Amino acid sequence: MRKIYRQLLTLFLAAVIIAGGGIIVNSRMSQASGEKKQDEAAGVMEVHFIDVGQGDSTLITCEGHSMLIDTGEATKGTAIQNYLQKQKINKLDYLILTHPDSDHIGGAPVIITKFNIDKVFVSNYEKDNKTYMKLIQALDNKHLKQTTPKVGAKYSLGTAKFTILAPNDTYNNPNDASIALLIQNGKNRFLFTGDAEEDAEQDILENGLDLSADVYKAGHHGSRTATSEEFFEAVSPSSAVISCGEDNSYGHPHAQTLNTFRMNGVKVYRTDEEGTIIATSDGNKITFNVPESNTWQAGEPNGNGSVWNAPIQKSDPAKSPAQKDETEKDKVTYVLNTKSKKFHKPSCNSLPEENNREDSTQSRETIVEQGYEPCKRCNP
């Protein structure tokens, strides 16, 4: 009888163990299914690289949440405010001021005054000047606390997540003290490094974090002092966005950086040529609202910048005066977009559709007087 009882008890315990194992397996399957659903649930994220001239300002929105990285010069504060309001934004989840140079924090007092903000992240580098003092005063007036986020800290923005990559130390150079972050929406990854230069890039590399990104916001406006070879290889982007001002005094972007992008097949988008650039991520693919740049024109007035210049057409002394006159006419031919009121070079790769297009042999001055503006892409 006892033997039968033991056998029944053994069978009962075995059934419990099997059932328990089944529960564990089902739990793991449920967890895996949940992770898959989370990946599939990636919402639409928009990254607006706002044209603020020689400076930086990037708006990121995802599922009703928003983040602003940098605010350009003080003269751009109201323009950024207007841009955000046109996007129907009245609150920022995060305001990230990468470092205290005026072309990154100048417009911040306007944004702080006009919008509700949950979190303000600033660099660990402080400056003793009016621009920085105005920032601190604006924060105090709104009773906002600023903090320097810790490297490795993770935050959410709607369905997107971002990780802090820098600053990793205290630096004598404000550029190297830039806050750097990588934001991911589904499978799509965007990297921002402020004006971090090679020393800071090396420190980021030594963290051992995954830096690979689809879109790289080119460090320091495309300067040769950033985007070191080792750092670029770790990021390995398919696209790069350069925020800089047309004919800026720094010569940004530098030919060395453009060479790196071109030799590695990276698509380049530039605010000095195309104005505000918007990249949209659905979690699987990224689309841009403007075509990629194909000028490869460095901002440096001399030296290496000339390597990407188109060959200068030399005059042919054998041409007759009539032929020369015809050539001169060709040089002043522009293509007008009668809808957008922009005018282009005939060689521009963003020419208007035929129904909005009008060819003109008038002078540039005459066209401008008629209310047309030059295309930022081809700079006619």
Protein backbone atom coordinates (compact mmCIF):
# COMPACT_ATOMS: atom_id res chain seq x y z
CA MET A 1 0.00 0.00 0.00
CA ARG A 2 2.84 2.33 0.92
CA LYS A 3 4.56 1.50 -2.36
CA ILE A 4 1.45 2.45 -4.32
CA TYR A 5 1.16 5.66 -2.27
CA ARG A 6 4.78 6.58 -3.01
CA GLN A 7 4.29 5.92 -6.69
CA LEU A 8 1.21 8.13 -6.75
CA LEU A 9 3.09 10.85 -4.83
CA THR A 10 6.01 10.63 -7.26
CA LEU A 11 3.68 10.96 -10.24
CA PHE A 12 1.94 13.92 -8.60
CA LEU A 13 5.23 15.74 -7.92
CA ALA A 14 6.43 15.07 -11.46
CA ALA A 15 3.20 16.55 -12.81
CA VAL A 16 3.69 19.64 -10.65
CA ILE A 17 7.30 20.08 -11.83
CA ILE A 18 6.29 19.68 -15.47
CA ALA A 19 3.42 22.11 -15.02
CA GLY A 20 5.76 24.56 -13.28
CA GLY A 21 8.28 24.21 -16.09
CA GLY A 22 5.48 24.88 -18.53
CA ILE A 23 4.59 28.01 -16.65
CA ILE A 24 8.22 29.19 -16.77
CA VAL A 25 8.48 28.48 -20.48
CA ASN A 26 5.20 30.22 -21.15
CA SER A 27 6.37 33.17 -19.08
CA ARG A 28 9.56 33.44 -21.13
CA MET A 29 7.58 33.14 -24.34
CA SER A 30 5.27 35.86 -23.10
CA GLN A 31 8.25 38.06 -22.20
CA ALA A 32 9.85 37.50 -25.62
CA SER A 33 6.51 38.24 -27.27
CA GLY A 34 6.27 41.45 -25.22
CA GLU A 35 9.74 42.55 -26.32
CA LYS A 36 8.82 41.88 -29.93
CA LYS A 37 5.61 43.88 -29.56
CA GLN A 38 7.62 46.72 -28.02
CA ASP A 39 9.93 46.78 -31.06
CA GLU A 40 6.99 46.68 -33.42
CA ALA A 41 5.29 49.49 -31.48
CA ALA A 42 7.88 52.10 -32.48
CA GLY A 43 6.02 55.30 -33.29
CA VAL A 44 6.85 58.02 -35.78
CA MET A 45 9.80 60.15 -34.72
CA GLU A 46 10.73 63.37 -36.49
CA VAL A 47 14.13 65.01 -36.20
CA HIS A 48 14.12 68.65 -37.27
CA PHE A 49 17.60 70.05 -37.91
CA ILE A 50 16.56 73.70 -37.71
CA ASP A 51 18.42 76.18 -39.90
CA VAL A 52 19.83 78.70 -37.41
CA GLY A 53 22.78 79.80 -39.53
CA GLN A 54 26.15 79.19 -37.87
CA GLY A 55 24.90 77.30 -34.85
CA ASP A 56 22.89 74.29 -33.73
CA SER A 57 19.29 73.59 -32.86
CA THR A 58 17.51 70.27 -33.27
CA LEU A 59 13.90 69.47 -32.41
CA ILE A 60 12.96 65.82 -31.90
CA THR A 61 9.32 64.76 -31.58
CA CYS A 62 7.87 61.31 -30.96
CA GLU A 63 4.30 60.36 -30.15
CA GLY A 64 3.35 63.70 -28.63
CA HIS A 65 6.64 64.16 -26.75
CA SER A 66 9.38 66.59 -27.69
CA MET A 67 13.01 67.44 -27.03
CA LEU A 68 15.10 70.43 -28.12
CA ILE A 69 18.86 70.10 -28.41
CA ASP A 70 20.54 73.56 -28.44
CA THR A 71 19.07 76.91 -29.39
CA GLY A 72 21.45 78.76 -31.72
CA GLU A 73 22.59 82.34 -31.14
CA ALA A 74 20.53 84.82 -29.11
CA THR A 75 19.20 86.35 -32.33
CA LYS A 76 17.60 83.00 -33.23
CA GLY A 77 15.58 82.50 -30.04
CA THR A 78 12.34 83.98 -31.37
CA ALA A 79 12.71 82.19 -34.71
CA ILE A 80 13.04 78.85 -32.90
CA GLN A 81 10.05 79.75 -30.70
CA ASN A 82 7.97 80.41 -33.83
CA TYR A 83 9.15 77.17 -35.40
CA LEU A 84 8.17 75.13 -32.36
CA GLN A 85 4.78 76.80 -32.18
CA LYS A 86 4.16 76.01 -35.86
CA GLN A 87 4.80 72.38 -34.93
CA LYS A 88 2.06 72.81 -32.29
CA ILE A 89 4.50 72.37 -29.42
CA ASN A 90 3.74 74.10 -26.13
CA LYS A 91 5.79 71.88 -23.82
CA LEU A 92 9.25 70.29 -23.97
CA ASP A 93 10.02 67.05 -22.16
CA TYR A 94 13.73 67.90 -22.40
CA LEU A 95 15.85 70.94 -23.19
CA ILE A 96 19.44 69.82 -23.76
CA LEU A 97 22.11 72.51 -24.01
CA THR A 98 25.19 70.60 -25.12
CA HIS A 99 27.76 73.21 -24.04
CA PRO A 100 27.84 76.92 -23.17
CA ASP A 101 29.03 78.45 -26.47
CA SER A 102 26.73 81.22 -27.65
CA ASP A 103 25.78 79.47 -30.91
CA HIS A 104 24.32 76.64 -28.84
CA ILE A 105 22.72 78.38 -25.83
CA GLY A 106 22.11 81.96 -27.02
CA GLY A 107 18.42 81.44 -27.82
CA ALA A 108 17.73 79.41 -24.66
CA PRO A 109 16.32 82.26 -22.52
CA VAL A 110 13.50 82.80 -25.03
CA ILE A 111 12.66 79.09 -25.12
CA ILE A 112 12.80 78.78 -21.33
CA THR A 113 10.51 81.80 -20.94
CA LYS A 114 7.95 80.77 -23.56
CA PHE A 115 7.61 77.01 -22.99
CA ASN A 116 6.96 74.62 -20.13
CA ILE A 117 9.95 72.31 -19.71
CA ASP A 118 10.23 69.14 -17.65
CA LYS A 119 14.00 68.56 -17.62
CA VAL A 120 16.96 70.79 -18.47
CA PHE A 121 20.33 69.16 -19.14
CA VAL A 122 23.48 71.28 -19.34
CA SER A 123 27.20 70.65 -19.73
CA ASN A 124 29.49 70.54 -16.70
CA TYR A 125 31.44 73.47 -18.20
CA GLU A 126 30.44 76.93 -17.00
CA LYS A 127 31.29 80.28 -18.55
CA ASP A 128 31.57 83.68 -16.93
CA ASN A 129 29.93 85.82 -19.60
CA LYS A 130 26.64 87.58 -20.30
CA THR A 131 25.23 84.82 -22.51
CA TYR A 132 25.70 82.19 -19.81
CA MET A 133 24.43 84.51 -17.06
CA LYS A 134 21.24 85.19 -19.07
CA LEU A 135 20.67 81.46 -19.33
CA ILE A 136 21.04 80.96 -15.57
CA GLN A 137 18.77 83.93 -14.88
CA ALA A 138 16.07 82.58 -17.18
CA LEU A 139 16.22 79.19 -15.44
CA ASP A 140 15.98 80.85 -12.03
CA ASN A 141 13.00 82.93 -13.13
CA LYS A 142 11.12 79.76 -14.11
CA HIS A 143 12.36 77.87 -11.01
CA LEU A 144 13.93 75.24 -13.26
CA LYS A 145 16.75 73.05 -12.04
CA GLN A 146 19.55 72.22 -14.49
CA THR A 147 21.59 69.02 -14.21
CA THR A 148 24.43 67.34 -16.07
CA PRO A 149 23.21 63.85 -17.01
CA LYS A 150 25.36 60.85 -16.15
CA VAL A 151 27.03 58.84 -18.89
CA GLY A 152 25.05 55.68 -19.52
CA ALA A 153 21.79 57.15 -18.21
CA LYS A 154 18.76 56.26 -20.33
CA TYR A 155 15.63 58.31 -20.94
CA SER A 156 12.39 57.91 -22.88
CA LEU A 157 10.84 60.18 -25.49
CA GLY A 158 7.56 58.62 -26.49
CA THR A 159 8.44 55.23 -27.97
CA ALA A 160 12.05 56.36 -28.53
CA LYS A 161 14.87 55.91 -26.02
CA PHE A 162 18.08 57.87 -25.70
CA THR A 163 21.36 57.18 -23.93
CA ILE A 164 23.84 59.76 -22.61
CA LEU A 165 27.38 59.24 -23.98
CA ALA A 166 29.23 62.32 -22.71
CA PRO A 167 30.74 64.36 -21.09
CA ASN A 168 33.07 61.76 -19.60
CA ASP A 169 35.39 64.15 -17.78
CA THR A 170 35.99 67.79 -16.91
CA TYR A 171 37.71 69.58 -19.76
CA ASN A 172 39.50 72.88 -20.33
CA ASN A 173 37.81 73.12 -23.72
CA PRO A 174 34.04 73.79 -23.66
CA ASN A 175 33.61 71.89 -26.95
CA ASP A 176 34.95 68.69 -25.39
CA ALA A 177 32.52 69.13 -22.48
CA SER A 178 29.57 68.72 -24.87
CA ILE A 179 26.69 66.46 -23.90
CA ALA A 180 26.52 63.62 -26.44
CA LEU A 181 23.61 61.25 -26.85
CA LEU A 182 22.27 58.49 -29.06
CA ILE A 183 18.52 58.26 -29.63
CA GLN A 184 16.88 55.11 -30.97
CA ASN A 185 13.40 54.64 -32.38
CA GLY A 186 12.77 51.02 -33.25
CA LYS A 187 15.76 50.03 -35.39
CA ASN A 188 16.68 53.62 -36.31
CA ARG A 189 19.53 55.36 -34.48
CA PHE A 190 20.63 59.03 -34.46
CA LEU A 191 23.87 60.29 -32.88
CA PHE A 192 24.45 63.82 -31.52
CA THR A 193 27.83 64.96 -30.16
CA GLY A 194 27.53 68.75 -29.97
CA ASP A 195 30.94 70.29 -30.68
CA ALA A 196 32.92 67.43 -29.11
CA GLU A 197 36.42 67.23 -30.60
CA GLU A 198 38.89 64.35 -30.91
CA ASP A 199 39.84 64.10 -27.20
CA ALA A 200 36.21 63.83 -26.16
CA GLU A 201 35.48 61.43 -29.01
CA GLN A 202 38.26 59.18 -27.74
CA ASP A 203 36.76 59.22 -24.25
CA ILE A 204 33.38 58.27 -25.72
CA LEU A 205 34.99 55.37 -27.56
CA GLU A 206 36.62 54.12 -24.36
CA ASN A 207 33.19 53.73 -22.74
CA GLY A 208 32.67 50.69 -24.92
CA LEU A 209 29.08 51.66 -25.74
CA ASP A 210 27.58 50.87 -29.14
CA LEU A 211 27.92 54.08 -31.18
CA SER A 212 26.63 52.76 -34.50
CA ALA A 213 24.04 55.09 -36.00
CA ASP A 214 22.06 55.53 -39.19
CA VAL A 215 22.23 59.32 -38.99
CA TYR A 216 25.19 61.22 -37.54
CA LYS A 217 24.80 64.88 -36.69
CA ALA A 218 28.33 65.86 -37.76
CA GLY A 219 30.36 67.01 -34.77
CA HIS A 220 31.34 70.68 -34.49
CA HIS A 221 29.51 71.79 -37.64
CA GLY A 222 31.63 69.53 -39.85
CA SER A 223 34.96 70.81 -38.53
CA ARG A 224 38.18 68.86 -39.06
CA THR A 225 38.66 68.94 -35.26
CA ALA A 226 35.86 66.37 -34.89
CA THR A 227 34.84 63.14 -36.66
CA SER A 228 38.20 61.45 -36.12
CA GLU A 229 38.83 58.33 -38.18
CA GLU A 230 38.39 55.88 -35.30
CA PHE A 231 35.24 57.60 -34.10
CA PHE A 232 33.73 57.68 -37.59
CA GLU A 233 34.42 53.96 -38.04
CA ALA A 234 32.62 53.21 -34.77
CA VAL A 235 29.58 55.23 -35.83
CA SER A 236 29.59 54.04 -39.48
CA PRO A 237 26.62 56.20 -40.50
CA SER A 238 24.75 56.00 -43.79
CA SER A 239 23.77 59.69 -43.55
CA ALA A 240 25.28 62.81 -41.97
CA VAL A 241 23.69 66.18 -41.27
CA ILE A 242 25.85 69.30 -41.09
CA SER A 243 24.47 72.39 -39.37
CA CYS A 244 26.39 75.51 -40.38
CA GLY A 245 25.88 78.99 -41.78
CA GLU A 246 26.32 79.97 -45.39
CA ASP A 247 29.75 81.58 -45.95
CA ASN A 248 30.58 81.27 -42.25
CA SER A 249 33.91 82.67 -41.03
CA TYR A 250 35.07 79.27 -39.70
CA GLY A 251 35.14 77.59 -43.10
CA HIS A 252 32.68 74.90 -41.95
CA PRO A 253 32.29 72.26 -43.17
CA HIS A 254 35.97 71.46 -43.68
CA ALA A 255 37.18 69.48 -46.68
CA GLN A 256 38.73 66.80 -44.46
CA THR A 257 35.34 65.90 -43.00
CA LEU A 258 33.64 65.98 -46.37
CA ASN A 259 36.38 63.74 -47.77
CA THR A 260 35.67 61.20 -45.01
CA PHE A 261 31.96 61.19 -45.80
CA ARG A 262 32.41 61.04 -49.56
CA MET A 263 34.97 58.24 -49.56
CA ASN A 264 32.69 56.12 -47.37
CA GLY A 265 29.52 56.69 -49.36
CA VAL A 266 27.77 58.74 -46.66
CA LYS A 267 24.82 60.83 -47.82
CA VAL A 268 25.27 64.43 -46.66
CA TYR A 269 22.55 66.97 -45.82
CA ARG A 270 23.48 70.60 -45.05
CA THR A 271 21.47 73.41 -43.51
CA ASP A 272 23.62 76.03 -45.29
CA GLU A 273 22.45 74.61 -48.62
CA GLU A 274 18.99 73.24 -47.88
CA GLY A 275 17.68 75.17 -44.89
CA THR A 276 15.81 73.21 -42.21
CA ILE A 277 16.13 69.45 -42.72
CA ILE A 278 13.57 66.97 -41.40
CA ALA A 279 14.33 63.26 -41.01
CA THR A 280 11.35 61.01 -40.28
CA SER A 281 11.75 57.59 -38.67
CA ASP A 282 9.02 54.95 -38.49
CA GLY A 283 11.26 52.56 -36.59
CA ASN A 284 12.39 50.70 -39.71
CA LYS A 285 13.33 53.31 -42.28
CA ILE A 286 14.35 56.97 -42.31
CA THR A 287 13.28 59.49 -44.93
CA PHE A 288 14.46 63.05 -45.49
CA ASN A 289 12.35 65.95 -46.73
CA VAL A 290 15.14 67.23 -49.00
CA PRO A 291 17.51 65.51 -51.44
CA GLU A 292 21.07 64.81 -50.36
CA SER A 293 23.75 67.38 -51.19
CA ASN A 294 26.00 66.69 -54.14
CA THR A 295 28.13 69.84 -54.11
CA TRP A 296 30.84 68.55 -51.72
CA GLN A 297 31.72 72.22 -51.37
CA ALA A 298 33.89 72.93 -48.34
CA GLY A 299 33.51 76.21 -46.51
CA GLU A 300 37.24 76.88 -46.56
CA PRO A 301 38.02 79.74 -48.95
CA ASN A 302 41.39 78.31 -49.98
CA GLY A 303 43.45 75.14 -49.83
CA ASN A 304 41.74 71.79 -49.55
CA GLY A 305 38.31 73.31 -50.01
CA SER A 306 39.00 73.57 -53.73
CA VAL A 307 39.14 69.82 -54.26
CA TRP A 308 35.39 69.63 -54.55
CA ASN A 309 34.95 72.71 -56.73
CA ALA A 310 33.64 72.16 -60.25
CA PRO A 311 36.26 72.87 -62.94
CA ILE A 312 36.24 76.48 -64.10
CA GLN A 313 35.12 76.86 -67.69
CA LYS A 314 37.90 78.59 -69.58
CA SER A 315 36.99 80.94 -72.40
CA ASP A 316 37.78 79.78 -75.90
CA PRO A 317 39.67 82.53 -77.80
CA ALA A 318 38.59 80.94 -81.08
CA LYS A 319 34.94 81.75 -80.45
CA SER A 320 33.38 84.56 -82.41
CA PRO A 321 31.96 87.60 -80.59
CA ALA A 322 28.46 86.30 -81.29
CA GLN A 323 29.34 82.94 -79.75
CA LYS A 324 30.84 84.72 -76.73
CA ASP A 325 27.65 86.72 -76.30
CA GLU A 326 25.66 83.49 -76.40
CA THR A 327 27.95 82.00 -73.74
CA GLU A 328 27.43 85.04 -71.54
CA LYS A 329 23.67 84.58 -71.91
CA ASP A 330 24.02 80.97 -70.84
CA LYS A 331 25.87 82.07 -67.68
CA VAL A 332 23.01 84.28 -66.54
CA THR A 333 20.23 81.78 -67.25
CA TYR A 334 18.24 80.87 -64.15
CA VAL A 335 15.32 78.55 -63.51
CA LEU A 336 12.48 80.18 -61.58
CA ASN A 337 10.08 78.33 -59.33
CA THR A 338 6.94 80.41 -59.77
CA LYS A 339 5.27 78.65 -56.81
CA SER A 340 7.97 78.90 -54.12
CA LYS A 341 9.48 82.11 -55.57
CA LYS A 342 12.97 80.55 -55.52
CA PHE A 343 15.45 80.67 -58.39
CA HIS A 344 18.01 78.02 -59.28
CA LYS A 345 21.00 77.32 -61.44
CA PRO A 346 20.02 75.18 -64.46
CA SER A 347 22.34 72.47 -63.08
CA CYS A 348 20.57 72.31 -59.69
CA ASN A 349 19.18 68.85 -58.92
CA SER A 350 16.12 70.22 -57.12
CA LEU A 351 14.55 72.07 -60.03
CA PRO A 352 10.78 72.70 -59.91
CA GLU A 353 8.19 70.70 -61.83
CA GLU A 354 7.38 71.92 -65.33
CA ASN A 355 4.08 73.51 -64.30
CA ASN A 356 5.89 75.66 -61.71
CA ARG A 357 9.00 76.31 -63.80
CA GLU A 358 10.04 79.31 -65.84
CA ASP A 359 13.43 79.71 -67.54
CA SER A 360 14.94 83.17 -67.45
CA THR A 361 17.92 84.90 -69.05
CA GLN A 362 17.53 87.97 -66.86
CA SER A 363 20.28 89.12 -64.51
CA ARG A 364 20.39 87.93 -60.93
CA GLU A 365 19.65 91.42 -59.66
CA THR A 366 16.54 91.69 -61.82
CA ILE A 367 15.23 88.35 -60.61
CA VAL A 368 15.79 89.30 -56.96
CA GLU A 369 13.97 92.60 -57.56
CA GLN A 370 11.00 90.56 -58.78
CA GLY A 371 10.76 88.95 -55.33
CA TYR A 372 12.62 85.68 -55.95
CA GLU A 373 15.05 84.22 -53.43
CA PRO A 374 18.14 82.14 -54.30
CA CYS A 375 18.02 78.39 -53.75
CA LYS A 376 20.16 77.48 -50.75
CA ARG A 377 21.18 74.23 -52.40
CA CYS A 378 22.83 75.52 -55.59
CA ASN A 379 23.51 79.13 -54.44
CA PRO A 380 22.79 80.83 -57.82
